[in-house]
Amino acid sequence: MTLTCSANGRAIGEPLAGTAPHARLWVLLEQPGPWGRAAPLESRLPTQVGQALTELTESRPVRLGLIRAVGTHADGQATARTLLVARTDADHSWLAARSITDVEALPGELDIAALLTSDGVPGALPGEPLPTPVSATLVCTNAKRDQCCAMLGRPLAASMAADAELDTQVWETSHTGGHRFAPTFASLPDGYLFGGPNAASRSLDACRGRSALPPAAQVAELAVLRERGARRPRALSVARSSDDGYLVRDGAAVFTVRVTATPGPDRPESCGKQPVPSSWFSTTVTPSNV
């Protein structure tokens, strides 16, 4: 029997750390109904809008995705849709919610460069302001991207929505990367991603990394948190000090972390694909006097 990609990932013990997408900004547009593999281009969203948004955000540390309410997915056109925008940089994180009625105009109204540098919610965001949640949880359920996200993501989304605090919104979302770690979800605006059977715990062991950081820096931050005995992730100061070294500060404590990539076993990146070589991270954490 062929294992699903998520079952195979668990069987070989593939580490979660360092697998979050590098995204300092998240742009998420509500689109009910079914999604295809490339959701912004394969849904009921006008194709030209999806294409323009894709071109606007690609080649930047920005994650573009679609969101929809948890549960049944009515196959209809949205008249007013929610736009979520979040910046995930530790000292400047924010989350904003807007109601969009003219989706055709949206790409021309998004100033991505300005959003990436805005220390707070900018006043020039398109649409009408909506009550902004303290946090948003985005559970990947994109079945056409990978079956694991549907089979494992939808039950998690339903459970998290039922248990959510009043100040937290739970959405289903399109691809967030790493479906072999399904179920997987993103937390905004802190930018942490979680995966695996214990994803809902939001524990350090279930954490894939903080999206504001590139993969190796994600690993360095999580390694220091483990060294410090933390149970849940929290943002630390992470600065690159050499080709494979990072200086990580947790208050007055400073650590030098060496992060190296080592070959892992071949494994499929998603269900139905042929196995490909993998690369895992290893770390050495040393207290520093710097």
Protein backbone atom coordinates (compact mmCIF):
# COMPACT_ATOMS: atom_id res chain seq x y z
CA MET A 1 0.00 0.00 0.00
CA THR A 2 1.36 3.42 -0.98
CA LEU A 3 1.60 5.87 1.90
CA THR A 4 0.22 9.37 1.58
CA CYS A 5 2.88 12.07 1.57
CA SER A 6 2.02 13.12 5.14
CA ALA A 7 2.10 9.51 6.41
CA ASN A 8 5.44 9.00 4.69
CA GLY A 9 6.82 12.19 6.24
CA ARG A 10 5.88 10.96 9.69
CA ALA A 11 7.29 7.49 8.98
CA ILE A 12 10.75 8.85 8.10
CA GLY A 13 10.66 11.47 10.86
CA GLU A 14 11.14 14.47 8.58
CA PRO A 15 11.71 17.54 10.79
CA LEU A 16 9.17 20.35 10.69
CA ALA A 17 11.60 23.12 11.66
CA GLY A 18 12.52 25.40 8.80
CA THR A 19 9.64 24.41 6.49
CA ALA A 20 7.47 27.52 6.83
CA PRO A 21 7.26 29.64 3.67
CA HIS A 22 9.34 32.83 3.85
CA ALA A 23 6.64 35.51 3.90
CA ARG A 24 6.88 38.83 5.71
CA LEU A 25 3.49 39.81 4.30
CA TRP A 26 0.35 37.74 3.78
CA VAL A 27 -2.42 38.78 1.36
CA LEU A 28 -5.53 36.62 1.62
CA LEU A 29 -8.74 37.12 -0.35
CA GLU A 30 -12.03 35.40 0.37
CA GLN A 31 -13.26 33.25 -2.49
CA PRO A 32 -16.06 30.75 -1.81
CA GLY A 33 -16.54 27.57 -3.77
CA PRO A 34 -13.99 25.09 -5.10
CA TRP A 35 -10.31 25.85 -5.70
CA GLY A 36 -7.97 24.27 -8.21
CA ARG A 37 -4.33 23.40 -7.71
CA ALA A 38 -3.18 26.98 -8.33
CA ALA A 39 -6.07 28.47 -6.38
CA PRO A 40 -5.81 32.19 -7.32
CA LEU A 41 -5.87 31.17 -11.00
CA GLU A 42 -8.27 28.22 -10.72
CA SER A 43 -11.37 29.28 -8.81
CA ARG A 44 -14.44 31.47 -9.27
CA LEU A 45 -12.17 34.47 -8.80
CA PRO A 46 -11.85 36.27 -12.17
CA THR A 47 -8.77 34.88 -13.86
CA GLN A 48 -7.36 38.31 -14.68
CA VAL A 49 -7.60 39.30 -11.00
CA GLY A 50 -5.82 36.13 -9.88
CA GLN A 51 -3.13 36.66 -12.49
CA ALA A 52 -2.60 40.31 -11.52
CA LEU A 53 -2.39 39.46 -7.81
CA THR A 54 0.06 36.67 -8.54
CA GLU A 55 2.31 38.97 -10.56
CA LEU A 56 2.08 41.63 -7.86
CA THR A 57 3.25 39.32 -5.07
CA GLU A 58 5.63 36.83 -6.72
CA SER A 59 9.40 37.21 -6.29
CA ARG A 60 8.80 38.99 -2.99
CA PRO A 61 8.54 37.70 0.61
CA VAL A 62 4.76 37.76 0.25
CA ARG A 63 2.27 34.90 0.49
CA LEU A 64 -0.85 35.20 -1.65
CA GLY A 65 -3.76 32.90 -0.89
CA LEU A 66 -7.49 32.40 -0.98
CA ILE A 67 -9.62 31.91 2.12
CA ARG A 68 -13.16 30.70 2.67
CA ALA A 69 -15.47 30.05 5.60
CA VAL A 70 -15.04 26.76 7.41
CA GLY A 71 -17.56 24.12 6.39
CA THR A 72 -19.59 23.57 3.23
CA HIS A 73 -18.41 25.45 0.17
CA ALA A 74 -21.32 26.95 -1.75
CA ASP A 75 -20.42 27.29 -5.41
CA GLY A 76 -21.48 30.90 -5.85
CA GLN A 77 -20.14 34.33 -6.63
CA ALA A 78 -19.13 36.59 -3.76
CA THR A 79 -20.50 40.15 -3.82
CA ALA A 80 -18.53 41.39 -0.83
CA ARG A 81 -15.47 39.44 0.27
CA THR A 82 -13.05 39.70 3.14
CA LEU A 83 -9.47 40.76 2.50
CA LEU A 84 -6.94 39.91 5.20
CA VAL A 85 -3.52 41.52 5.12
CA ALA A 86 -0.87 40.75 7.74
CA ARG A 87 2.72 41.78 8.29
CA THR A 88 4.65 39.22 10.33
CA ASP A 89 7.93 40.98 11.21
CA ALA A 90 8.34 40.54 14.97
CA ASP A 91 8.59 44.21 15.97
CA HIS A 92 6.09 45.46 13.42
CA SER A 93 3.42 42.76 13.11
CA TRP A 94 -0.15 43.72 12.36
CA LEU A 95 -3.35 42.28 10.93
CA ALA A 96 -6.05 44.13 9.00
CA ALA A 97 -9.45 43.07 7.65
CA ARG A 98 -11.33 44.84 4.86
CA SER A 99 -14.51 44.26 2.88
CA ILE A 100 -13.93 44.26 -0.88
CA THR A 101 -16.81 44.85 -3.28
CA ASP A 102 -14.83 45.76 -6.41
CA VAL A 103 -12.45 42.85 -6.76
CA GLU A 104 -11.42 43.92 -10.26
CA ALA A 105 -9.83 47.07 -8.83
CA LEU A 106 -8.01 45.30 -6.00
CA PRO A 107 -4.63 44.62 -7.68
CA GLY A 108 -4.24 48.29 -8.59
CA GLU A 109 -5.02 49.38 -5.03
CA LEU A 110 -2.47 47.20 -3.24
CA ASP A 111 0.90 48.89 -2.68
CA ILE A 112 2.94 45.83 -1.72
CA ALA A 113 6.19 47.75 -1.21
CA ALA A 114 4.49 50.13 1.22
CA LEU A 115 2.78 47.29 3.07
CA LEU A 116 6.12 45.54 3.59
CA THR A 117 7.49 48.60 5.40
CA SER A 118 4.39 49.80 7.25
CA ASP A 119 4.88 49.65 11.03
CA GLY A 120 1.13 49.63 11.62
CA VAL A 121 -2.09 49.06 9.71
CA PRO A 122 -1.92 51.53 6.80
CA GLY A 123 -4.85 53.82 6.20
CA ALA A 124 -4.64 53.35 2.44
CA LEU A 125 -5.73 49.71 2.37
CA PRO A 126 -8.48 49.10 -0.18
CA GLY A 127 -12.04 48.32 0.87
CA GLU A 128 -14.13 49.17 3.89
CA PRO A 129 -12.73 48.43 7.36
CA LEU A 130 -14.06 45.32 9.10
CA PRO A 131 -13.68 44.47 12.78
CA THR A 132 -10.15 43.12 12.88
CA PRO A 133 -9.57 39.94 14.90
CA VAL A 134 -6.66 39.76 17.31
CA SER A 135 -5.50 36.71 15.38
CA ALA A 136 -6.41 34.64 12.36
CA THR A 137 -5.88 30.90 11.94
CA LEU A 138 -5.60 29.66 8.35
CA VAL A 139 -5.94 25.90 7.91
CA CYS A 140 -4.87 24.52 4.54
CA THR A 141 -7.69 22.50 2.95
CA ASN A 142 -6.74 22.73 -0.74
CA ALA A 143 -7.71 19.25 -1.92
CA LYS A 144 -6.66 19.80 -5.54
CA ARG A 145 -3.17 20.69 -4.34
CA ASP A 146 -2.87 17.58 -2.17
CA GLN A 147 -5.36 15.09 -0.75
CA CYS A 148 -3.74 15.22 2.71
CA CYS A 149 -4.77 18.84 3.14
CA ALA A 150 -8.41 17.94 2.56
CA MET A 151 -8.51 14.71 4.57
CA LEU A 152 -6.62 16.07 7.55
CA GLY A 153 -7.12 19.83 7.22
CA ARG A 154 -10.90 20.03 7.09
CA PRO A 155 -11.53 18.18 10.37
CA LEU A 156 -8.89 20.36 12.05
CA ALA A 157 -10.45 23.54 10.66
CA ALA A 158 -13.88 22.50 11.93
CA SER A 159 -12.52 21.66 15.39
CA MET A 160 -10.53 24.89 15.66
CA ALA A 161 -13.49 26.98 14.48
CA ALA A 162 -15.74 25.39 17.09
CA ASP A 163 -13.24 26.12 19.87
CA ALA A 164 -12.02 29.53 18.71
CA GLU A 165 -12.04 32.53 21.03
CA LEU A 166 -14.23 35.48 20.05
CA ASP A 167 -11.19 37.50 19.00
CA THR A 168 -9.85 34.76 16.68
CA GLN A 169 -11.04 34.00 13.16
CA VAL A 170 -10.56 30.56 11.65
CA TRP A 171 -10.54 30.20 7.88
CA GLU A 172 -9.86 27.48 5.37
CA THR A 173 -7.04 28.53 3.08
CA SER A 174 -5.31 27.48 -0.11
CA HIS A 175 -1.77 26.16 -0.30
CA THR A 176 0.62 27.28 2.45
CA GLY A 177 3.45 24.93 1.48
CA GLY A 178 4.46 21.64 3.07
CA HIS A 179 1.33 19.55 2.64
CA ARG A 180 3.47 16.54 3.58
CA PHE A 181 3.16 17.95 7.12
CA ALA A 182 -0.65 18.01 6.97
CA PRO A 183 -2.66 19.07 8.76
CA THR A 184 -0.93 22.41 8.64
CA PHE A 185 -2.02 25.92 9.49
CA ALA A 186 -0.70 29.45 9.72
CA SER A 187 -1.21 31.84 12.63
CA LEU A 188 -1.39 35.56 11.89
CA PRO A 189 -0.08 38.11 12.58
CA ASP A 190 2.73 36.30 14.47
CA GLY A 191 3.47 34.30 11.32
CA TYR A 192 4.08 30.90 12.90
CA LEU A 193 3.12 27.77 11.00
CA PHE A 194 2.31 24.44 12.61
CA GLY A 195 1.92 20.94 11.25
CA GLY A 196 1.60 17.25 11.98
CA PRO A 197 -0.79 15.26 14.18
CA ASN A 198 -0.25 17.63 17.13
CA ALA A 199 -0.53 20.85 15.13
CA ALA A 200 -3.49 22.12 17.16
CA SER A 201 -1.32 22.18 20.29
CA ARG A 202 0.70 25.07 18.82
CA SER A 203 3.63 23.57 20.68
CA LEU A 204 7.29 24.06 19.83
CA ASP A 205 7.52 20.47 18.61
CA ALA A 206 4.66 21.10 16.14
CA CYS A 207 6.09 24.39 14.89
CA ARG A 208 7.39 24.66 11.32
CA GLY A 209 8.87 28.13 11.83
CA ARG A 210 8.13 31.86 11.73
CA SER A 211 7.43 33.00 8.20
CA ALA A 212 9.11 36.39 8.58
CA LEU A 213 12.42 34.51 8.65
CA PRO A 214 14.09 32.48 5.88
CA PRO A 215 14.23 28.71 6.55
CA ALA A 216 17.67 28.46 8.21
CA ALA A 217 16.87 31.41 10.48
CA GLN A 218 13.58 29.73 11.43
CA VAL A 219 15.59 26.71 12.51
CA ALA A 220 18.00 28.87 14.54
CA GLU A 221 15.16 30.54 16.42
CA LEU A 222 13.44 27.25 17.24
CA ALA A 223 16.74 25.68 18.33
CA VAL A 224 17.34 28.44 20.88
CA LEU A 225 13.78 28.18 22.16
CA ARG A 226 14.36 24.47 22.75
CA GLU A 227 17.63 25.29 24.50
CA ARG A 228 15.71 27.69 26.74
CA GLY A 229 13.06 25.09 27.58
CA ALA A 230 10.20 26.91 25.87
CA ARG A 231 7.03 24.97 25.22
CA ARG A 232 5.60 27.31 22.60
CA PRO A 233 7.26 29.45 19.95
CA ARG A 234 7.81 33.17 20.49
CA ALA A 235 9.73 35.70 18.46
CA LEU A 236 13.43 36.17 19.22
CA SER A 237 15.98 38.47 17.64
CA VAL A 238 17.72 36.53 14.86
CA ALA A 239 20.61 37.99 12.84
CA ARG A 240 22.88 36.24 10.38
CA SER A 241 26.53 36.27 11.50
CA SER A 242 28.19 34.06 8.87
CA ASP A 243 27.34 31.78 5.96
CA ASP A 244 25.91 29.17 8.30
CA GLY A 245 25.77 31.06 11.59
CA TYR A 246 23.14 33.12 13.39
CA LEU A 247 23.23 35.32 16.47
CA VAL A 248 20.01 34.77 18.42
CA ARG A 249 19.02 36.95 21.38
CA ASP A 250 16.44 36.09 24.00
CA GLY A 251 16.41 39.09 26.29
CA ALA A 252 19.88 39.37 27.83
CA ALA A 253 20.83 35.85 26.74
CA VAL A 254 22.75 35.55 23.47
CA PHE A 255 23.44 32.39 21.49
CA THR A 256 25.46 31.52 18.42
CA VAL A 257 23.67 28.95 16.29
CA ARG A 258 25.29 27.05 13.47
CA VAL A 259 22.75 25.71 10.99
CA THR A 260 23.83 23.13 8.43
CA ALA A 261 21.87 21.28 5.78
CA THR A 262 22.33 17.53 5.64
CA PRO A 263 20.90 15.04 3.10
CA GLY A 264 17.77 13.23 4.17
CA PRO A 265 16.07 10.21 2.60
CA ASP A 266 14.27 10.53 -0.70
CA ARG A 267 10.58 11.27 -0.22
CA PRO A 268 7.62 12.57 -2.28
CA GLU A 269 6.83 16.24 -1.75
CA SER A 270 3.13 15.54 -2.33
CA CYS A 271 0.83 12.60 -2.93
CA GLY A 272 1.28 10.81 -6.23
CA LYS A 273 4.70 12.30 -6.97
CA GLN A 274 7.94 10.40 -7.29
CA PRO A 275 10.35 10.56 -4.34
CA VAL A 276 13.00 13.27 -4.57
CA PRO A 277 16.08 13.99 -2.43
CA SER A 278 15.42 15.90 0.76
CA SER A 279 17.58 18.20 2.85
CA TRP A 280 17.25 18.47 6.61
CA PHE A 281 18.72 21.01 8.99
CA SER A 282 20.94 20.29 11.99
CA THR A 283 22.02 22.84 14.59
CA THR A 284 24.70 23.54 17.15
CA VAL A 285 23.71 26.06 19.84
CA THR A 286 26.45 27.80 21.84
CA PRO A 287 25.96 30.46 24.53
CA SER A 288 27.75 33.62 23.48
CA ASN A 289 29.33 36.52 25.36
CA VAL A 290 28.70 38.95 22.52
